[in-house]
Amino acid sequence: MCDLVRDRPGVHGERMIGGGDCGTSGAIVLLGAAASVRAHVECEYPRLQPAFATSFATHECRMADGLTLLPLW
């Protein structure tokens, strides 16, 4: 999957994050490009990996603001 998204417009990075059993990949994608990247993966991955054509999934997550430090009392 990393190879599929690496050069897509709006992708700022990709990485294998679970290379063991049932590996996982992740990508940092601009919000406006997410649908296009997802459609590309859902079209091309089954074609390139027919053995996994019915057993892969795509998921979209959103960034949070992150950590907030609270003052000590």
Protein backbone atom coordinates (compact mmCIF):
# COMPACT_ATOMS: atom_id res chain seq x y z
CA MET A 1 0.00 0.00 0.00
CA CYS A 2 2.88 2.36 0.69
CA ASP A 3 3.97 2.12 -2.92
CA LEU A 4 0.44 2.97 -4.05
CA VAL A 5 0.19 6.22 -2.09
CA ARG A 6 3.80 7.43 -2.01
CA ASP A 7 3.54 9.71 -5.06
CA ARG A 8 -0.13 10.64 -4.90
CA PRO A 9 -0.99 14.35 -4.70
CA GLY A 10 -1.65 15.45 -1.14
CA VAL A 11 0.36 12.66 0.52
CA HIS A 12 3.04 14.03 2.84
CA GLY A 13 4.38 10.70 4.02
CA GLU A 14 3.68 7.00 4.29
CA ARG A 15 5.13 4.13 6.26
CA MET A 16 4.70 0.47 7.07
CA ILE A 17 3.66 0.40 10.71
CA GLY A 18 2.88 -3.26 11.16
CA GLY A 19 5.10 -5.45 9.03
CA GLY A 20 4.34 -8.69 10.84
CA ASP A 21 1.26 -10.83 10.59
CA CYS A 22 -1.49 -8.78 8.89
CA GLY A 23 0.78 -5.78 8.26
CA THR A 24 -0.48 -2.22 8.37
CA SER A 25 0.53 0.95 6.59
CA GLY A 26 -0.26 4.55 7.34
CA ALA A 27 -0.06 7.82 5.46
CA ILE A 28 -0.28 11.51 6.32
CA VAL A 29 -2.63 13.01 3.74
CA LEU A 30 -4.09 16.46 3.25
CA LEU A 31 -7.79 16.49 4.09
CA GLY A 32 -8.77 17.47 0.55
CA ALA A 33 -6.84 14.54 -0.93
CA ALA A 34 -8.06 11.79 1.41
CA ALA A 35 -10.98 10.63 -0.76
CA SER A 36 -8.80 10.47 -3.88
CA VAL A 37 -6.06 8.53 -2.10
CA ARG A 38 -8.57 6.10 -0.62
CA ALA A 39 -10.23 5.53 -4.01
CA HIS A 40 -6.84 4.88 -5.60
CA VAL A 41 -5.91 2.29 -2.97
CA GLU A 42 -9.32 0.58 -3.13
CA CYS A 43 -9.02 0.31 -6.91
CA GLU A 44 -5.36 -0.62 -7.30
CA TYR A 45 -4.57 -2.79 -4.28
CA PRO A 46 -6.95 -5.64 -5.24
CA ARG A 47 -5.58 -5.54 -8.78
CA LEU A 48 -1.96 -5.73 -7.61
CA GLN A 49 -2.58 -8.13 -4.70
CA PRO A 50 -5.44 -10.42 -5.81
CA ALA A 51 -4.78 -12.85 -2.94
CA PHE A 52 -5.83 -10.09 -0.52
CA ALA A 53 -8.52 -8.48 -2.67
CA THR A 54 -11.31 -9.30 -0.22
CA SER A 55 -9.39 -9.05 3.04
CA PHE A 56 -7.98 -5.53 3.19
CA ALA A 57 -9.54 -2.38 4.60
CA THR A 58 -8.94 1.35 4.51
CA HIS A 59 -9.63 3.65 7.44
CA GLU A 60 -9.50 7.41 7.82
CA CYS A 61 -8.37 9.05 11.05
CA ARG A 62 -8.21 12.74 11.88
CA MET A 63 -5.44 14.56 13.71
CA ALA A 64 -6.16 15.93 17.15
CA ASP A 65 -4.78 19.13 18.63
CA GLY A 66 -2.44 17.05 20.73
CA LEU A 67 -1.30 17.45 24.28
CA THR A 68 -2.29 20.35 26.51
CA LEU A 69 -0.21 21.17 29.56
CA LEU A 70 -2.24 22.32 32.55
CA PRO A 71 -0.72 24.58 35.19
CA LEU A 72 0.03 23.07 38.58
CA TRP A 73 -2.24 24.24 41.39
